[in-house]
Protein backbone atom coordinates (compact mmCIF):
# COMPACT_ATOMS: atom_id res chain seq x y z
CA MET A 1 224.85 178.25 23.43
CA GLN A 2 228.48 178.87 22.61
CA GLY A 3 230.92 175.97 22.35
CA GLY A 4 234.70 176.02 22.59
CA GLY A 5 234.97 176.83 18.86
CA GLY A 6 232.24 179.46 18.98
CA SER A 7 229.75 177.29 17.03
CA LEU A 8 226.04 177.42 17.74
CA LEU A 9 224.80 173.92 18.78
CA SER A 10 221.15 173.13 18.42
CA GLY A 11 219.24 171.05 20.90
CA CYS A 12 218.48 168.53 18.13
CA GLU A 13 221.82 167.04 17.34
CA ALA A 14 225.38 167.06 18.63
CA PRO A 15 228.59 167.26 16.70
CA ALA A 16 230.58 164.10 16.31
CA PRO A 17 233.47 163.94 18.75
CA VAL A 18 236.92 163.89 17.36
CA ARG A 19 239.34 161.26 18.59
CA ALA A 20 242.66 160.01 17.47
CA SER A 21 242.87 156.79 15.57
CA GLU A 22 245.53 154.20 16.02
CA THR A 23 247.49 155.80 13.21
CA GLY A 24 247.51 159.11 15.05
CA ARG A 25 245.21 160.91 12.66
CA ALA A 26 242.05 162.65 13.75
CA ARG A 27 238.95 160.63 12.91
CA ASN A 28 235.30 161.68 12.90
CA TRP A 29 232.90 159.44 14.77
CA THR A 30 229.26 159.81 13.93
CA MET A 31 226.82 159.42 16.77
CA PRO A 32 223.23 158.52 16.14
CA PRO A 33 221.02 161.61 15.97
CA LEU A 34 219.12 162.53 19.05
CA ARG A 35 215.39 161.96 18.86
CA LEU A 36 213.64 165.11 17.67
CA GLU A 37 211.18 166.29 20.23
CA ARG A 38 208.40 168.78 20.08
CA GLU A 39 210.62 171.52 21.42
CA CYS A 40 212.37 171.62 18.06
CA LYS A 41 209.45 173.59 16.79
CA GLU A 42 210.06 176.26 19.35
CA ARG A 43 213.33 177.15 17.61
CA THR A 44 211.95 179.06 14.71
CA ASN A 45 215.20 180.87 14.03
CA SER A 46 216.56 177.92 12.06
CA ALA A 47 214.93 176.71 8.83
CA THR A 48 217.00 173.56 9.03
CA ILE A 49 215.58 172.72 12.47
CA ASP A 50 212.04 173.48 11.28
CA ASN A 51 212.48 171.19 8.31
CA ARG A 52 213.75 168.41 10.52
CA CYS A 53 210.82 168.83 12.84
CA VAL A 54 208.43 168.63 9.93
CA GLU A 55 210.18 165.46 8.75
CA PHE A 56 209.93 164.03 12.26
CA ASP A 57 206.18 164.68 12.37
CA ARG A 58 205.74 163.00 9.00
CA ARG A 59 207.67 159.90 9.97
CA GLU A 60 206.03 159.68 13.36
CA SER A 61 202.60 159.89 11.74
CA THR A 62 203.49 157.24 9.17
CA GLU A 63 204.88 154.85 11.77
CA SER A 64 201.87 155.30 14.02
CA THR A 65 199.51 154.56 11.13
CA ALA A 66 201.49 151.44 10.19
CA ILE A 67 201.47 150.14 13.78
CA ILE A 68 197.73 150.72 14.09
CA GLY A 69 197.21 148.94 10.76
CA LEU A 70 199.29 145.93 11.82
CA ARG A 71 197.45 145.68 15.10
CA ALA A 72 194.14 145.81 13.28
CA LEU A 73 195.36 143.19 10.80
CA GLY A 74 196.51 141.00 13.67
CA ARG A 75 193.07 141.21 15.16
CA ARG A 76 191.53 140.26 11.81
CA ILE A 77 193.74 137.15 11.16
CA ALA A 78 193.58 135.68 14.66
CA PHE A 79 191.60 132.43 15.18
CA THR A 80 189.08 131.87 17.91
CA MET A 81 189.11 128.69 19.96
CA ALA A 82 185.91 127.55 18.22
CA GLU A 83 187.54 127.97 14.80
CA ILE A 84 190.62 126.01 15.90
CA LEU A 85 188.50 123.16 17.28
CA LEU A 86 186.42 123.06 14.09
CA SER A 87 189.59 122.88 11.98
CA LEU A 88 190.98 120.05 14.09
CA THR A 89 187.69 118.19 13.82
CA ILE A 90 187.70 118.47 10.02
CA ILE A 91 191.32 117.29 9.87
CA GLY A 92 190.44 114.33 12.09
CA VAL A 93 187.48 113.31 9.93
CA VAL A 94 189.53 113.51 6.73
CA ALA A 95 192.32 111.48 8.33
CA ALA A 96 189.86 108.84 9.54
CA ILE A 97 188.53 108.49 5.99
CA THR A 98 191.82 108.46 4.10
CA LEU A 99 194.23 106.66 6.44
CA PRO A 100 192.60 103.19 6.20
CA SER A 101 192.76 103.43 2.42
CA LEU A 102 196.39 104.52 2.47
CA THR A 103 197.27 101.80 4.98
CA GLY A 104 195.40 99.21 2.91
CA ASN A 105 197.29 100.19 -0.23
CA ILE A 106 200.61 99.91 1.59
CA ASN A 107 199.66 96.49 2.99
CA GLU A 108 198.52 95.30 -0.43
CA ARG A 109 201.83 96.27 -2.02
CA THR A 110 203.72 94.59 0.81
CA TRP A 111 201.70 91.38 0.50
CA ASN A 112 202.15 91.29 -3.28
CA THR A 113 205.90 91.58 -2.87
CA GLN A 114 205.96 88.84 -0.22
CA ARG A 115 203.82 86.50 -2.34
CA LYS A 116 206.14 86.78 -5.30
CA ALA A 117 209.24 86.28 -3.17
CA LEU A 118 207.73 83.22 -1.44
CA TYR A 119 206.66 81.67 -4.75
CA ALA A 120 210.15 82.19 -6.18
CA ARG A 121 211.80 80.49 -3.19
CA PHE A 122 209.40 77.54 -3.31
CA SER A 123 209.85 77.12 -7.06
CA GLN A 124 213.61 76.91 -6.63
CA ALA A 125 213.34 74.54 -3.65
CA ILE A 126 210.87 72.09 -5.22
CA ALA A 127 212.96 71.94 -8.40
CA LEU A 128 215.88 70.64 -6.31
CA MET A 129 213.91 67.69 -4.90
CA PRO A 130 214.29 64.47 -6.94
CA ALA A 131 210.73 63.26 -6.26
CA LEU A 132 207.85 64.44 -4.10
CA ASN A 133 206.20 61.14 -3.20
CA GLY A 134 207.13 58.35 -0.82
CA TYR A 135 207.99 60.39 2.29
CA GLY A 136 207.06 59.06 5.74
CA THR A 137 204.76 56.26 6.75
CA LEU A 138 201.03 56.13 6.35
CA LYS A 139 198.91 53.38 7.86
CA GLU A 140 195.17 53.11 8.16
CA GLU A 141 195.52 51.26 11.45
CA SER A 142 198.20 49.97 13.76
CA SER A 143 199.31 46.34 13.84
CA ALA A 144 197.02 45.75 16.82
CA GLY A 145 194.00 46.92 14.83
CA ALA A 146 193.57 50.13 16.81
CA SER A 147 192.09 53.16 15.10
CA ASP A 148 194.86 55.55 16.08
CA ALA A 149 196.71 55.40 12.77
CA VAL A 150 200.38 56.24 12.57
CA ASP A 151 200.75 59.11 10.11
CA THR A 152 204.09 60.84 9.68
CA ALA A 153 203.86 61.52 5.94
CA ALA A 154 203.49 65.31 5.90
CA GLU A 155 205.86 65.85 8.82
CA THR A 156 208.52 63.63 7.22
CA PHE A 157 208.04 65.38 3.87
CA VAL A 158 208.96 68.64 5.58
CA THR A 159 211.79 67.38 7.82
CA ALA A 160 213.46 64.91 5.44
CA GLY A 161 212.63 66.60 2.15
CA LEU A 162 211.72 70.25 2.10
CA SER A 163 214.04 71.35 4.91
CA LYS A 164 217.01 70.10 2.86
CA VAL A 165 216.32 72.62 0.10
CA LEU A 166 214.59 75.43 1.99
CA LYS A 167 215.68 77.17 5.18
CA LEU A 168 213.10 76.57 7.91
CA ASN A 169 213.02 77.82 11.50
CA ASN A 170 210.43 75.56 13.09
CA ILE A 171 208.44 72.41 12.21
CA CYS A 172 205.17 71.38 13.88
CA ASN A 173 202.90 68.34 13.62
CA SER A 174 199.13 68.48 13.16
CA GLU A 175 198.50 68.69 16.91
CA HIS A 176 200.66 71.78 17.41
CA LEU A 177 200.04 73.90 14.33
CA GLU A 178 199.66 77.03 16.44
CA ASP A 179 203.29 76.67 17.58
CA CYS A 180 204.30 77.48 14.01
CA GLY A 181 202.16 80.63 13.90
CA ILE A 182 199.15 79.07 12.16
CA PRO A 183 196.05 81.17 13.01
CA ASP A 184 193.03 79.52 14.62
CA LYS A 185 190.71 80.69 11.81
CA ILE A 186 190.87 81.95 8.24
CA THR A 187 188.34 84.12 6.43
CA PRO A 188 187.69 83.14 2.79
CA TYR A 189 186.16 85.38 0.14
CA SER A 190 182.71 84.14 1.13
CA GLY A 191 183.12 85.82 4.51
CA SER A 192 182.27 82.79 6.71
CA PRO A 193 185.41 82.03 8.76
CA ILE A 194 186.96 78.57 8.59
CA SER A 195 187.59 77.49 12.15
CA PRO A 196 189.31 75.38 13.29
CA ILE A 197 191.95 75.20 10.59
CA PRO A 198 191.73 71.91 8.60
CA LYS A 199 194.21 69.44 10.05
CA THR A 200 193.94 66.77 7.34
CA LEU A 201 193.83 66.67 3.56
CA VAL A 202 190.17 65.59 3.50
CA GLU A 203 189.22 68.35 5.94
CA LEU A 204 190.77 70.80 3.53
CA ASN A 205 188.62 69.45 0.70
CA ASN A 206 186.21 66.57 1.29
CA TYR A 207 186.18 65.79 -2.45
CA PHE A 208 189.54 64.13 -1.97
CA ASN A 209 187.68 61.16 -0.56
CA TYR A 210 184.13 60.76 -1.82
CA ASP A 211 181.68 58.50 -3.61
CA ASN A 212 178.89 60.12 -5.58
CA GLY A 213 177.73 56.86 -7.15
CA VAL A 214 176.99 56.33 -10.81
CA GLY A 215 175.87 59.39 -12.71
CA SER A 216 173.38 59.72 -15.57
CA ASP A 217 176.26 59.14 -17.97
CA GLY A 218 176.77 55.66 -16.53
CA VAL A 219 180.13 56.60 -15.03
CA LYS A 220 180.87 56.15 -11.36
CA HIS A 221 181.90 59.51 -9.96
CA SER A 222 184.08 58.68 -7.01
CA TYR A 223 187.61 58.87 -5.80
CA SER A 224 189.15 57.35 -2.70
CA GLN A 225 192.09 59.18 -1.13
CA ILE A 226 193.79 57.94 2.00
CA ASP A 227 193.60 60.88 4.36
CA THR A 228 196.79 62.40 5.70
CA LYS A 229 197.50 64.69 8.64
CA ALA A 230 198.86 68.16 7.98
CA ALA A 231 202.14 69.57 9.22
CA ALA A 232 203.34 73.14 9.55
CA PHE A 233 206.56 75.11 9.52
CA GLU A 234 207.92 78.64 9.72
CA THR A 235 210.27 80.01 7.09
CA ALA A 236 213.37 82.09 7.74
CA ASN A 237 211.46 85.07 6.32
CA GLY A 238 208.68 84.81 8.91
CA GLU A 239 205.88 83.15 6.91
CA SER A 240 203.77 80.48 8.64
CA ILE A 241 202.85 77.61 6.32
CA ILE A 242 200.68 74.53 6.68
CA VAL A 243 201.25 71.67 4.23
CA TYR A 244 198.77 69.01 3.07
CA TYR A 245 200.66 66.12 1.54
CA ASN A 246 199.83 63.13 -0.66
CA PRO A 247 202.66 60.54 -0.42
CA TYR A 248 201.10 58.51 -3.26
CA CYS A 249 200.99 61.26 -5.85
CA ARG A 250 201.64 60.28 -9.46
CA ALA A 251 203.54 61.66 -12.40
CA ASP A 252 202.03 63.62 -15.30
CA ALA A 253 198.61 62.53 -16.60
CA ASN A 254 199.88 62.89 -20.19
CA ASN A 255 197.10 65.22 -21.32
CA GLU A 256 194.34 62.72 -20.63
CA ALA A 257 191.09 63.48 -18.85
CA HIS A 258 191.59 62.61 -15.19
CA TYR A 259 190.73 63.21 -11.57
CA ILE A 260 193.14 65.78 -10.27
CA GLN A 261 193.46 64.29 -6.77
CA PRO A 262 196.07 61.59 -7.56
CA TYR A 263 198.40 64.17 -9.10
CA MET A 264 198.34 66.68 -6.26
CA CYS A 265 201.53 66.09 -4.25
CA ALA A 266 201.63 69.02 -1.85
CA ASN A 267 199.41 71.98 -1.09
CA PHE A 268 200.87 74.81 0.97
CA VAL A 269 198.56 77.31 2.65
CA TYR A 270 200.61 80.27 3.79
CA ASP A 271 200.09 83.18 6.15
CA LEU A 272 202.49 85.98 5.30
CA ASN A 273 202.51 87.48 8.80
CA GLY A 274 201.71 84.57 11.12
CA THR A 275 198.89 85.03 13.61
CA LYS A 276 198.66 88.77 12.94
CA GLY A 277 195.55 89.94 11.11
CA PRO A 278 193.67 90.08 8.97
CA ASN A 279 194.08 86.30 8.29
CA THR A 280 191.95 86.70 5.16
CA PHE A 281 192.33 84.95 1.84
CA GLY A 282 193.51 87.30 -0.89
CA LYS A 283 195.36 89.46 1.62
CA ASP A 284 197.86 87.75 3.92
CA ILE A 285 196.51 84.24 3.18
CA GLY A 286 197.17 82.31 -0.03
CA PHE A 287 198.26 78.93 -1.40
CA ILE A 288 200.92 77.23 -3.50
CA THR A 289 200.06 73.87 -5.07
CA VAL A 290 202.45 71.29 -6.54
CA PHE A 291 201.34 68.66 -9.06
CA ASN A 292 203.19 65.57 -10.36
CA SER A 293 205.75 63.59 -8.38
CA VAL A 294 208.55 64.29 -10.89
CA ASP A 295 208.98 67.23 -13.24
CA SER A 296 206.61 68.96 -10.89
CA VAL A 297 204.38 71.89 -11.79
CA ILE A 298 204.20 74.64 -9.15
CA VAL A 299 201.36 77.16 -9.31
CA ALA A 300 200.23 79.95 -7.01
CA PRO A 301 197.22 81.65 -8.62
CA TYR A 302 195.59 84.56 -6.86
CA PRO A 303 191.90 84.21 -7.81
CA LEU A 304 189.74 87.31 -7.92
CA ALA A 305 186.84 87.53 -5.50
CA ARG A 306 184.04 86.61 -7.94
CA ASP A 307 183.30 84.71 -11.11
CA LEU A 308 182.46 86.56 -14.28
CA ASN A 309 178.71 86.97 -14.65
CA SER A 310 178.22 84.51 -17.52
CA THR A 311 179.84 81.69 -19.48
CA TYR A 312 182.45 82.61 -22.06
CA SER A 313 184.74 81.14 -24.68
CA VAL A 314 188.49 81.31 -24.15
CA SER A 315 188.95 84.47 -26.20
CA GLU A 316 185.93 86.18 -24.62
CA ALA A 317 187.01 85.22 -21.11
CA SER A 318 190.57 86.42 -21.66
CA LYS A 319 189.28 89.79 -22.84
CA HIS A 320 186.92 90.22 -19.87
CA CYS A 321 189.63 89.23 -17.38
CA ARG A 322 191.93 91.94 -18.72
CA GLU A 323 189.10 94.45 -18.51
CA LEU A 324 188.60 93.62 -14.83
CA ASP A 325 192.26 94.21 -14.04
CA SER A 326 195.30 94.77 -16.23
CA GLU A 327 197.14 92.00 -14.36
CA SER A 328 194.20 89.57 -14.43
CA ARG A 329 194.27 86.49 -16.67
CA LEU A 330 192.25 83.41 -17.51
CA PRO A 331 193.76 80.54 -15.46
CA THR A 332 195.69 77.66 -17.00
CA HIS A 333 194.39 74.14 -16.40
CA ASP A 334 197.01 73.62 -13.63
CA GLU A 335 195.87 76.82 -11.94
CA LEU A 336 192.27 75.60 -12.20
CA LYS A 337 193.28 72.38 -10.47
CA ALA A 338 194.89 74.36 -7.65
CA ILE A 339 191.69 76.39 -7.31
CA PHE A 340 189.71 73.17 -6.93
CA VAL A 341 192.06 71.87 -4.22
CA ASN A 342 191.59 75.10 -2.25
CA LYS A 343 187.97 75.85 -3.16
CA ASN A 344 186.81 75.93 0.47
CA LEU A 345 189.65 78.24 1.40
CA ILE A 346 188.81 80.59 -1.48
CA GLY A 347 185.05 80.54 -1.03
CA GLY A 348 182.43 81.45 -3.58
CA ILE A 349 183.39 78.70 -6.02
CA GLY A 350 180.47 77.52 -8.16
CA THR A 351 178.15 74.63 -7.40
CA SER A 352 178.36 71.06 -8.70
CA ASP A 353 177.06 71.96 -12.16
CA PHE A 354 179.83 74.49 -12.79
CA TYR A 355 182.45 73.81 -15.44
CA TYR A 356 185.30 76.28 -15.28
CA ILE A 357 187.19 77.06 -18.46
CA SER A 358 190.97 77.44 -18.72
CA SER A 359 193.30 79.15 -21.16
CA SER A 360 195.00 75.80 -21.95
CA LEU A 361 193.93 74.56 -25.38
CA VAL A 362 193.85 70.96 -26.54
CA ALA A 363 192.83 71.93 -30.07
CA PRO A 364 191.30 75.05 -31.68
CA GLY A 365 187.97 75.65 -29.97
CA THR A 366 188.66 72.93 -27.37
CA SER A 367 190.10 73.81 -23.98
CA TRP A 368 190.58 72.10 -20.63
CA HIS A 369 187.57 72.45 -18.33
CA LEU A 370 187.33 71.62 -14.63
CA SER A 371 184.25 70.06 -13.08
CA VAL A 372 183.49 71.36 -9.60
CA PHE A 373 181.26 68.30 -9.22
CA ASP A 374 184.03 65.74 -8.78
CA GLY A 375 187.40 67.31 -9.58
CA THR A 376 187.79 65.93 -13.08
CA ILE A 377 189.52 67.91 -15.78
CA TYR A 378 188.93 67.13 -19.43
CA PRO A 379 188.87 68.67 -22.92
CA LEU A 380 185.59 70.34 -23.78
CA GLU A 381 184.35 72.44 -26.66
CA GLY A 382 182.35 75.58 -26.05
CA LYS A 383 182.03 78.01 -23.20
CA GLY A 384 182.53 77.71 -19.47
CA TYR A 385 182.32 79.64 -16.22
CA VAL A 386 185.24 81.91 -15.46
CA ARG A 387 187.25 82.77 -12.35
CA CYS A 388 190.02 85.17 -13.35
CA VAL A 389 193.35 85.06 -11.55
CA LYS A 390 196.50 87.06 -11.01
CA ARG A 391 199.86 85.33 -11.10
CA ASN A 392 202.88 85.66 -8.84
């Protein structure tokens, strides 16, 4: 076919049209080549056309092979519904196994942080109080001889004493502990829930008021403690705390063997998250105990779940405690006394013939031991049973 310039145009491509640019010059515009069709092969008079047709066949063949391969690959990598369901099932099982552990670890770290913060606040607050005894009134019976004793000791200790040095949101008496977020039951290490929550000091630990008569050593093993009603309060940080108070607590025992009961001024049992679970000792439940009416000692040991499996000396016990946990230690004699006060809350504390050993030494080879039998603490040579603790 003849064009205006006498050039032969093939049916495979067209010349680029010439148009004027904005500058007035002629400018070549390249159009995309027309698709080569099979009729190109009919024009055998041009080697160039034949070569292009051969190239077209090669490319078309290559592209077709690639498309077929991709389609086949797509069929191979596709998942059936059964495979998808099986995968989801496996993911669900793995999640069910691992999530409780991950959640437990997160909770444990949170509780540890809260314990330390609470202990720090209480330590600062108690240090600001001039004396811990003498708050409130405590009568065994009313003036008319009735049995409904007037007892405001613990409540007054909180309202007139503790609230002056510690920010509190709510204060409750022994009849309305639940209004301060105190749970209706607590689970100790032993696993048998304590319910209802002890509402008096003697209910917390009946060894605060007992008479075991005269022992084989000729000594009368007894101690009489006037019982007191508990009170409760909520802190500004959301902890719910019940306090057991002794308005007659004494000053330091001056390193003499003694019953620990007269020197316990206040025992705080805290729940870090109120009535929310798990309400279990060693998790969201713990205690802070204060000894001595002046120059008070504040301890908050976190006992491990079980005793060591034998009796040990101080050095042996210290070594085994560290082997159990890098943060575990042999308790001091004040921490042992706090463990005795809260032995029912902890659970699993030894029987009456157990003598727990402390890290506090009186002399080389002689350390303070605690008798679970009657709550006495005294210097003793030799070995003793061991309950390791962590400290806040």
